[in-house]
Structure formats: C-alpha cells, structure tokens
Amino acid sequence: MRGIGAVPVIVKTEADQDFKLTPTALRNAITSRTRLFILNSPSNPTGSVYTRQELEGLAEVLVEKQVPVLSDEVYDA
C-alpha cells in the first residue's frame, strides 16, 4: 500500500475481547486521513467470528465517520 501513499493502521485487540475490534477502539483509530476500513472475518488469524450485534456496532461507527468498508466475504456460501 505504501506505493500509493497509504499507511495501514492496525488496531490492537485483546485476548479478553476474543481479539475482536470494539466500536470504541475503531472510533479512536479513525482520523481525518482514514479512507477505508478492511474487515477480514471470519478468515482472520485468530478465528474469531463477529456476531451480528458486534458488526452492527462497528457499522454504526463507520457510517457516522463516513468510512467505506472492504469486506472479505469469500467464505459466505
């Protein structure tokens, strides 16, 4: 991504949260330079799977902050 001037921001997650990103952590990571959020679930290194409620919480933040989402749905069907 650096070839296009993008700098990835990886938000640290914790074991006690099953390594899931929380809406608060997401909100705190978004800046005026944020252009895209990449969601890789359930195909992430931890194997954690978000519930619908958890995804809706993240979606609320992303809609509020007007950040587009790139989601890996390869294992959907």
N, C-alpha and C. Protein backbone atom coordinates (compact mmCIF):
# COMPACT_ATOMS: atom_id res chain seq x y z
N MET A 1 0.82 -1.20 0.00
CA MET A 1 0.00 0.00 0.00
C MET A 1 0.86 1.26 0.00
N ARG A 2 2.06 1.14 0.44
CA ARG A 2 2.90 2.33 0.50
C ARG A 2 3.18 2.90 -0.88
N GLY A 3 3.11 2.07 -1.93
CA GLY A 3 3.34 2.55 -3.28
C GLY A 3 2.30 3.57 -3.72
N ILE A 4 1.14 3.55 -3.10
CA ILE A 4 0.09 4.51 -3.43
C ILE A 4 -0.05 5.58 -2.35
N GLY A 5 0.85 5.56 -1.39
CA GLY A 5 0.85 6.56 -0.35
C GLY A 5 0.00 6.22 0.86
N ALA A 6 -0.59 5.03 0.87
CA ALA A 6 -1.42 4.62 2.01
C ALA A 6 -0.55 4.06 3.12
N VAL A 7 -0.96 4.31 4.35
CA VAL A 7 -0.27 3.77 5.51
C VAL A 7 -1.29 2.97 6.32
N PRO A 8 -1.15 1.64 6.34
CA PRO A 8 -2.11 0.84 7.10
C PRO A 8 -2.00 1.11 8.59
N VAL A 9 -3.14 1.14 9.25
CA VAL A 9 -3.19 1.31 10.70
C VAL A 9 -3.81 0.03 11.26
N ILE A 10 -3.05 -0.68 12.05
CA ILE A 10 -3.54 -1.92 12.66
C ILE A 10 -3.92 -1.60 14.10
N VAL A 11 -5.17 -1.85 14.42
CA VAL A 11 -5.66 -1.56 15.77
C VAL A 11 -5.48 -2.80 16.64
N LYS A 12 -4.78 -2.63 17.74
CA LYS A 12 -4.51 -3.75 18.64
C LYS A 12 -5.80 -4.23 19.29
N THR A 13 -5.96 -5.54 19.34
CA THR A 13 -7.09 -6.15 20.02
C THR A 13 -6.56 -7.01 21.16
N GLU A 14 -7.44 -7.38 22.07
CA GLU A 14 -7.01 -8.09 23.28
C GLU A 14 -7.67 -9.47 23.39
N ALA A 15 -6.99 -10.39 24.05
CA ALA A 15 -7.50 -11.75 24.24
C ALA A 15 -8.81 -11.74 25.01
N ASP A 16 -8.94 -10.86 26.00
CA ASP A 16 -10.17 -10.84 26.79
C ASP A 16 -11.39 -10.37 26.00
N GLN A 17 -11.17 -9.81 24.82
CA GLN A 17 -12.24 -9.43 23.90
C GLN A 17 -12.32 -10.41 22.73
N ASP A 18 -11.69 -11.58 22.89
CA ASP A 18 -11.63 -12.60 21.84
C ASP A 18 -10.97 -12.05 20.58
N PHE A 19 -10.07 -11.09 20.78
CA PHE A 19 -9.33 -10.44 19.70
C PHE A 19 -10.24 -9.74 18.69
N LYS A 20 -11.38 -9.26 19.17
CA LYS A 20 -12.33 -8.56 18.30
C LYS A 20 -12.19 -7.05 18.47
N LEU A 21 -12.32 -6.35 17.38
CA LEU A 21 -12.29 -4.90 17.40
C LEU A 21 -13.60 -4.39 18.00
N THR A 22 -13.49 -3.43 18.90
CA THR A 22 -14.69 -2.85 19.51
C THR A 22 -15.02 -1.53 18.82
N PRO A 23 -16.27 -1.10 18.90
CA PRO A 23 -16.62 0.20 18.32
C PRO A 23 -15.79 1.35 18.90
N THR A 24 -15.49 1.30 20.18
CA THR A 24 -14.68 2.36 20.80
C THR A 24 -13.27 2.39 20.23
N ALA A 25 -12.65 1.23 20.10
CA ALA A 25 -11.30 1.17 19.54
C ALA A 25 -11.30 1.62 18.09
N LEU A 26 -12.33 1.23 17.34
CA LEU A 26 -12.43 1.66 15.95
C LEU A 26 -12.58 3.17 15.86
N ARG A 27 -13.47 3.73 16.66
CA ARG A 27 -13.69 5.18 16.65
C ARG A 27 -12.40 5.93 16.98
N ASN A 28 -11.65 5.41 17.94
CA ASN A 28 -10.39 6.06 18.34
C ASN A 28 -9.31 5.97 17.26
N ALA A 29 -9.40 4.96 16.39
CA ALA A 29 -8.39 4.78 15.36
C ALA A 29 -8.66 5.60 14.10
N ILE A 30 -9.90 6.03 13.93
CA ILE A 30 -10.27 6.77 12.72
C ILE A 30 -9.82 8.22 12.84
N THR A 31 -9.14 8.71 11.79
CA THR A 31 -8.71 10.10 11.76
C THR A 31 -9.23 10.74 10.47
N SER A 32 -8.90 11.99 10.29
CA SER A 32 -9.32 12.68 9.06
C SER A 32 -8.63 12.09 7.83
N ARG A 33 -7.59 11.32 8.04
CA ARG A 33 -6.86 10.70 6.91
C ARG A 33 -7.36 9.29 6.58
N THR A 34 -8.28 8.77 7.38
CA THR A 34 -8.81 7.42 7.16
C THR A 34 -9.62 7.40 5.87
N ARG A 35 -9.33 6.43 5.01
CA ARG A 35 -10.00 6.33 3.71
C ARG A 35 -10.76 5.03 3.51
N LEU A 36 -10.41 3.98 4.30
CA LEU A 36 -11.01 2.68 4.09
C LEU A 36 -10.84 1.82 5.34
N PHE A 37 -11.83 1.01 5.63
CA PHE A 37 -11.74 0.02 6.70
C PHE A 37 -11.81 -1.36 6.06
N ILE A 38 -10.84 -2.22 6.34
CA ILE A 38 -10.83 -3.58 5.80
C ILE A 38 -11.26 -4.54 6.91
N LEU A 39 -12.34 -5.26 6.64
CA LEU A 39 -12.85 -6.25 7.59
C LEU A 39 -12.54 -7.63 7.05
N ASN A 40 -11.80 -8.40 7.83
CA ASN A 40 -11.42 -9.75 7.43
C ASN A 40 -11.96 -10.72 8.47
N SER A 41 -13.20 -11.12 8.33
CA SER A 41 -13.84 -12.01 9.28
C SER A 41 -14.80 -12.92 8.54
N PRO A 42 -14.80 -14.20 8.81
CA PRO A 42 -14.08 -14.89 9.89
C PRO A 42 -12.69 -15.38 9.51
N SER A 43 -12.20 -15.03 8.35
CA SER A 43 -10.90 -15.53 7.90
C SER A 43 -9.77 -14.64 8.41
N ASN A 44 -9.68 -14.53 9.70
CA ASN A 44 -8.60 -13.74 10.30
C ASN A 44 -7.68 -14.67 11.07
N PRO A 45 -6.52 -14.22 11.46
CA PRO A 45 -5.56 -15.12 12.13
C PRO A 45 -6.06 -15.72 13.44
N THR A 46 -7.02 -15.08 14.11
CA THR A 46 -7.49 -15.58 15.41
C THR A 46 -8.63 -16.57 15.28
N GLY A 47 -9.34 -16.55 14.16
CA GLY A 47 -10.50 -17.41 14.00
C GLY A 47 -11.75 -16.86 14.68
N SER A 48 -11.65 -15.67 15.24
CA SER A 48 -12.81 -15.06 15.90
C SER A 48 -13.88 -14.72 14.87
N VAL A 49 -15.12 -14.90 15.27
CA VAL A 49 -16.25 -14.60 14.41
C VAL A 49 -17.12 -13.57 15.11
N TYR A 50 -17.39 -12.47 14.42
CA TYR A 50 -18.22 -11.40 14.99
C TYR A 50 -19.69 -11.79 14.95
N THR A 51 -20.42 -11.41 15.98
CA THR A 51 -21.87 -11.59 15.97
C THR A 51 -22.49 -10.47 15.15
N ARG A 52 -23.74 -10.63 14.81
CA ARG A 52 -24.44 -9.58 14.07
C ARG A 52 -24.43 -8.28 14.88
N GLN A 53 -24.67 -8.37 16.16
CA GLN A 53 -24.69 -7.19 17.03
C GLN A 53 -23.32 -6.49 17.04
N GLU A 54 -22.26 -7.27 17.10
CA GLU A 54 -20.91 -6.68 17.09
C GLU A 54 -20.64 -5.98 15.77
N LEU A 55 -21.03 -6.60 14.66
CA LEU A 55 -20.84 -5.98 13.35
C LEU A 55 -21.67 -4.71 13.22
N GLU A 56 -22.88 -4.73 13.76
CA GLU A 56 -23.72 -3.54 13.71
C GLU A 56 -23.10 -2.39 14.50
N GLY A 57 -22.44 -2.71 15.62
CA GLY A 57 -21.74 -1.69 16.39
C GLY A 57 -20.61 -1.05 15.60
N LEU A 58 -19.84 -1.87 14.89
CA LEU A 58 -18.77 -1.34 14.05
C LEU A 58 -19.36 -0.54 12.90
N ALA A 59 -20.44 -1.04 12.31
CA ALA A 59 -21.08 -0.35 11.19
C ALA A 59 -21.58 1.04 11.60
N GLU A 60 -22.12 1.16 12.78
CA GLU A 60 -22.60 2.47 13.26
C GLU A 60 -21.47 3.49 13.25
N VAL A 61 -20.30 3.08 13.72
CA VAL A 61 -19.14 3.98 13.75
C VAL A 61 -18.73 4.34 12.33
N LEU A 62 -18.66 3.35 11.46
CA LEU A 62 -18.21 3.58 10.08
C LEU A 62 -19.19 4.46 9.32
N VAL A 63 -20.48 4.30 9.55
CA VAL A 63 -21.47 5.17 8.90
C VAL A 63 -21.34 6.59 9.45
N GLU A 64 -21.23 6.70 10.76
CA GLU A 64 -21.08 8.02 11.41
C GLU A 64 -19.87 8.76 10.86
N LYS A 65 -18.75 8.03 10.71
CA LYS A 65 -17.50 8.65 10.26
C LYS A 65 -17.36 8.66 8.73
N GLN A 66 -18.34 8.06 8.04
CA GLN A 66 -18.36 8.01 6.57
C GLN A 66 -17.10 7.34 6.00
N VAL A 67 -16.78 6.18 6.56
CA VAL A 67 -15.62 5.41 6.12
C VAL A 67 -16.12 4.19 5.34
N PRO A 68 -15.71 4.04 4.08
CA PRO A 68 -16.09 2.86 3.29
C PRO A 68 -15.47 1.58 3.87
N VAL A 69 -16.11 0.45 3.56
CA VAL A 69 -15.65 -0.84 4.08
C VAL A 69 -15.32 -1.78 2.91
N LEU A 70 -14.21 -2.46 3.03
CA LEU A 70 -13.85 -3.55 2.14
C LEU A 70 -13.95 -4.81 2.99
N SER A 71 -14.88 -5.69 2.63
CA SER A 71 -15.12 -6.88 3.44
C SER A 71 -14.84 -8.14 2.63
N ASP A 72 -14.12 -9.06 3.24
CA ASP A 72 -13.80 -10.33 2.62
C ASP A 72 -14.94 -11.30 2.89
N GLU A 73 -15.77 -11.54 1.88
CA GLU A 73 -16.93 -12.43 2.02
C GLU A 73 -16.69 -13.75 1.30
N VAL A 74 -15.47 -14.14 1.08
CA VAL A 74 -15.16 -15.32 0.28
C VAL A 74 -15.75 -16.60 0.87
N TYR A 75 -15.94 -16.65 2.17
CA TYR A 75 -16.46 -17.86 2.81
C TYR A 75 -17.94 -17.76 3.15
N ASP A 76 -18.65 -16.82 2.51
CA ASP A 76 -20.05 -16.59 2.80
C ASP A 76 -20.93 -17.78 2.43
N ALA A 77 -20.69 -18.40 1.30
CA ALA A 77 -21.58 -19.50 0.87
C ALA A 77 -20.78 -20.77 0.58
